[in-house]
N, C-alpha and C. Protein backbone atom coordinates (compact mmCIF):
# COMPACT_ATOMS: atom_id res chain seq x y z
N UNK A 1 4.90 17.47 -5.71
CA UNK A 1 3.60 16.77 -5.48
C UNK A 1 4.11 15.76 -4.37
N UNK A 2 2.85 15.93 -3.21
CA UNK A 2 2.53 15.33 -2.39
C UNK A 2 2.25 13.74 -2.76
N UNK A 3 2.74 12.77 -1.89
CA UNK A 3 2.07 11.50 -1.88
C UNK A 3 0.29 11.08 -2.03
N UNK A 4 -0.11 10.30 -2.54
CA UNK A 4 -1.04 10.22 -3.09
C UNK A 4 -1.03 8.61 -2.72
N UNK A 5 -2.08 8.04 -1.67
CA UNK A 5 -2.71 6.70 -1.34
C UNK A 5 -3.94 6.54 -1.60
N UNK A 6 -3.82 5.34 -2.44
CA UNK A 6 -5.40 5.02 -3.44
C UNK A 6 -5.39 3.91 -3.07
N UNK A 7 -6.35 2.84 -1.64
CA UNK A 7 -6.70 1.89 -1.59
C UNK A 7 -7.95 1.59 -2.60
N UNK A 8 -7.69 1.00 -2.97
CA UNK A 8 -8.32 0.45 -4.41
C UNK A 8 -9.22 -1.12 -4.29
N UNK A 9 -10.48 -0.90 -4.12
CA UNK A 9 -11.09 -2.39 -3.84
C UNK A 9 -10.57 -3.72 -4.48
N UNK A 10 -10.82 -4.56 -3.54
CA UNK A 10 -10.28 -5.53 -3.68
C UNK A 10 -9.30 -6.14 -4.32
N UNK A 11 -8.27 -4.70 -4.25
CA UNK A 11 -6.26 -4.88 -5.09
C UNK A 11 -5.89 -4.60 -4.33
N UNK A 12 -5.19 -3.87 -4.64
CA UNK A 12 -3.50 -3.26 -3.84
C UNK A 12 -4.03 -2.05 -3.32
N UNK A 13 -2.47 -1.67 -3.03
CA UNK A 13 -2.67 0.46 -1.85
C UNK A 13 -1.73 0.88 -3.03
N UNK A 14 -2.32 1.50 -4.02
CA UNK A 14 -1.60 2.84 -5.27
C UNK A 14 -0.77 3.99 -3.97
N UNK A 15 0.58 4.29 -4.86
CA UNK A 15 1.38 5.31 -3.92
C UNK A 15 1.48 5.57 -5.07
N UNK A 16 1.49 7.35 -5.43
CA UNK A 16 2.11 8.17 -6.11
C UNK A 16 2.74 9.78 -5.72
N UNK A 17 3.94 9.66 -6.51
CA UNK A 17 4.20 10.71 -5.33
C UNK A 17 5.89 10.79 -5.80
N UNK A 18 5.54 12.02 -4.34
CA UNK A 18 7.24 11.55 -4.10
C UNK A 18 7.27 10.50 -2.29
N UNK A 19 7.99 9.28 -2.42
CA UNK A 19 7.66 9.03 -1.12
C UNK A 19 9.01 6.81 -1.66
N UNK A 20 9.32 6.80 0.16
CA UNK A 20 10.57 6.44 0.09
C UNK A 20 9.86 5.02 1.33
N UNK A 21 10.24 3.85 0.50
CA UNK A 21 9.29 3.02 1.61
C UNK A 21 10.44 1.93 2.12
N UNK A 22 10.46 1.72 3.51
CA UNK A 22 11.36 1.26 4.34
C UNK A 22 11.30 -0.25 4.82
N UNK A 23 11.95 -2.06 5.01
CA UNK A 23 11.42 -2.01 5.87
C UNK A 23 11.31 -2.62 7.49
N UNK A 24 11.34 -2.99 8.50
CA UNK A 24 11.41 -3.16 9.30
C UNK A 24 12.16 -2.60 10.40
N UNK A 25 14.00 -2.74 9.53
CA UNK A 25 15.02 -2.34 10.00
C UNK A 25 15.66 -1.23 9.03
N UNK A 26 14.80 -0.28 9.22
CA UNK A 26 15.43 0.70 8.65
C UNK A 26 16.14 0.89 7.52
N UNK A 27 15.78 -0.62 6.76
CA UNK A 27 16.60 -0.39 5.02
C UNK A 27 15.95 0.19 3.66
N UNK A 28 16.55 0.45 3.34
CA UNK A 28 15.06 1.53 2.23
C UNK A 28 15.19 1.17 1.12
N UNK A 29 14.24 0.61 0.51
CA UNK A 29 14.15 -0.13 -0.90
C UNK A 29 14.25 0.50 -1.56
N UNK A 30 14.90 0.01 -2.89
CA UNK A 30 15.59 0.74 -3.98
C UNK A 30 14.64 0.31 -5.13
N UNK A 31 13.55 1.78 -5.62
CA UNK A 31 12.65 1.64 -6.59
C UNK A 31 13.26 1.83 -7.66
N UNK A 32 14.20 2.34 -7.93
CA UNK A 32 14.47 2.20 -8.90
C UNK A 32 13.83 3.89 -9.81
N UNK A 33 13.84 5.05 -8.92
CA UNK A 33 12.94 5.89 -9.37
C UNK A 33 11.59 6.48 -9.90
N UNK A 34 10.94 4.93 -9.25
CA UNK A 34 9.69 5.20 -10.03
C UNK A 34 8.86 5.70 -8.80
N UNK A 35 8.19 7.03 -9.69
CA UNK A 35 7.07 7.58 -8.59
C UNK A 35 5.69 7.54 -8.50
N UNK A 36 5.10 5.98 -8.89
CA UNK A 36 4.08 5.08 -8.24
C UNK A 36 4.56 3.72 -8.75
N UNK A 37 3.89 3.03 -7.09
CA UNK A 37 4.30 1.69 -6.71
C UNK A 37 2.62 0.77 -6.28
N UNK A 38 2.54 0.05 -6.76
CA UNK A 38 1.30 -0.57 -6.07
C UNK A 38 1.75 -1.90 -4.75
N UNK A 39 1.46 -1.79 -3.74
CA UNK A 39 1.67 -2.54 -2.28
C UNK A 39 0.37 -3.67 -2.23
N UNK A 40 0.87 -4.52 -2.36
CA UNK A 40 0.05 -5.91 -1.56
C UNK A 40 -1.24 -5.71 -1.19
N UNK A 41 -2.23 -6.21 -0.47
CA UNK A 41 -2.94 -6.44 -0.19
C UNK A 41 -3.48 -7.38 0.36
N UNK A 42 -3.34 -8.68 -1.00
CA UNK A 42 -4.46 -9.95 -0.69
C UNK A 42 -3.14 -10.54 0.70
N UNK A 43 -2.48 -10.14 0.42
CA UNK A 43 -0.87 -11.31 1.12
C UNK A 43 -0.52 -12.60 0.14
N UNK A 44 -1.04 -11.80 -1.11
CA UNK A 44 -0.63 -13.49 -2.19
C UNK A 44 1.28 -13.32 -3.30
N UNK A 45 1.04 -11.88 -3.59
CA UNK A 45 1.94 -11.82 -3.94
C UNK A 45 3.15 -12.67 -3.67
N UNK A 46 3.61 -12.53 -5.42
CA UNK A 46 5.08 -13.38 -4.56
C UNK A 46 6.33 -12.43 -5.16
N UNK A 47 6.04 -10.66 -5.32
CA UNK A 47 6.67 -10.14 -4.78
C UNK A 47 6.97 -8.89 -3.81
N UNK A 48 5.88 -9.75 -2.85
CA UNK A 48 5.73 -9.05 -1.37
C UNK A 48 7.23 -7.41 -0.67
N UNK A 49 6.85 -6.58 -0.33
CA UNK A 49 5.06 -5.91 -0.09
C UNK A 49 4.70 -5.50 -1.91
N UNK A 50 4.78 -5.92 -2.78
CA UNK A 50 4.90 -5.73 -4.17
C UNK A 50 3.81 -5.97 -4.36
N UNK A 51 2.96 -5.66 -5.37
CA UNK A 51 1.49 -6.35 -5.40
C UNK A 51 2.44 -6.57 -7.38
N UNK A 52 1.48 -8.13 -7.46
CA UNK A 52 1.92 -9.16 -9.22
C UNK A 52 0.30 -9.19 -9.28
N UNK A 53 -0.03 -8.56 -8.59
CA UNK A 53 -1.59 -8.98 -9.18
C UNK A 53 -2.20 -9.95 -8.64
N UNK A 54 -2.03 -10.59 -8.02
CA UNK A 54 -2.29 -12.61 -8.68
C UNK A 54 -3.39 -12.19 -7.04
N UNK A 55 -3.88 -10.82 -6.34
CA UNK A 55 -4.96 -10.32 -5.97
C UNK A 55 -6.44 -11.01 -7.04
N UNK A 56 -6.21 -11.56 -8.72
CA UNK A 56 -7.34 -11.65 -9.09
C UNK A 56 -7.51 -12.04 -9.44
N UNK A 57 -6.63 -13.44 -8.80
CA UNK A 57 -6.71 -14.49 -9.03
C UNK A 57 -7.08 -15.75 -7.53
N UNK A 58 -6.60 -15.41 -6.80
CA UNK A 58 -7.57 -15.77 -5.26
C UNK A 58 -8.31 -14.96 -4.96
N UNK A 59 -9.14 -14.69 -5.83
CA UNK A 59 -10.84 -14.00 -4.85
C UNK A 59 -10.59 -12.95 -3.21
N UNK A 60 -9.77 -12.89 -3.53
CA UNK A 60 -9.52 -11.56 -2.89
C UNK A 60 -10.70 -9.99 -2.72
N UNK A 61 -11.32 -9.65 -1.62
CA UNK A 61 -12.47 -8.80 -1.59
C UNK A 61 -12.31 -8.07 -0.55
N UNK A 62 -11.76 -6.83 -0.53
CA UNK A 62 -12.14 -6.01 -0.17
C UNK A 62 -12.78 -4.76 -0.32
N UNK A 63 -14.07 -4.56 0.71
CA UNK A 63 -14.34 -2.62 -0.23
C UNK A 63 -14.32 -1.81 0.97
N UNK A 64 -13.46 -0.44 0.60
CA UNK A 64 -12.83 0.85 1.32
C UNK A 64 -13.74 1.85 0.65
N UNK A 65 -14.23 2.27 1.92
CA UNK A 65 -14.24 3.49 1.87
C UNK A 65 -14.28 4.34 2.56
N UNK A 66 -13.72 6.12 2.18
CA UNK A 66 -13.29 7.05 3.05
C UNK A 66 -13.99 7.16 4.12
N UNK A 67 -13.73 7.29 5.59
CA UNK A 67 -14.49 7.71 6.53
C UNK A 67 -13.45 8.24 7.83
N UNK A 68 -14.42 9.08 7.73
CA UNK A 68 -13.47 10.45 9.75
C UNK A 68 -12.79 9.20 10.84
N UNK A 69 -11.96 9.29 11.05
CA UNK A 69 -11.55 8.22 12.05
C UNK A 69 -11.71 9.22 12.99
N UNK A 70 -11.72 8.49 14.40
CA UNK A 70 -11.78 9.19 15.61
C UNK A 70 -10.20 10.27 15.71
N UNK A 71 -10.29 11.16 17.00
CA UNK A 71 -9.28 11.46 16.82
C UNK A 71 -7.69 10.79 18.02
N UNK A 72 -6.81 10.50 17.78
CA UNK A 72 -6.57 9.55 18.55
C UNK A 72 -6.34 9.73 20.15
N UNK A 73 -6.68 8.72 21.22
CA UNK A 73 -6.48 8.69 22.06
C UNK A 73 -4.89 9.08 23.00
N UNK A 74 -5.10 10.07 24.02
CA UNK A 74 -3.82 10.57 24.38
C UNK A 74 -3.34 9.77 25.14
N UNK A 75 -2.05 9.19 25.33
CA UNK A 75 -1.20 8.84 25.30
C UNK A 75 -0.82 8.30 26.67
N UNK A 76 -0.54 7.47 27.71
CA UNK A 76 -0.45 7.65 28.98
C UNK A 76 0.60 8.02 29.58
């Protein structure tokens, strides 16, 4: 199953499917076999980068609507 990424309004980023998550040093997180996980967008989780539901109590608001991105500019 390909990875599905859902940006939830005023909430988290949900990943479902076959994926791996790495830190900036290329160390892989041990996800204990999970095929679905939520990542924090509000910045208040005590379990970053994973969501702990803090967005519900911090007043985090963000509406996201799918749109077409412009093509990337050529690298010079």
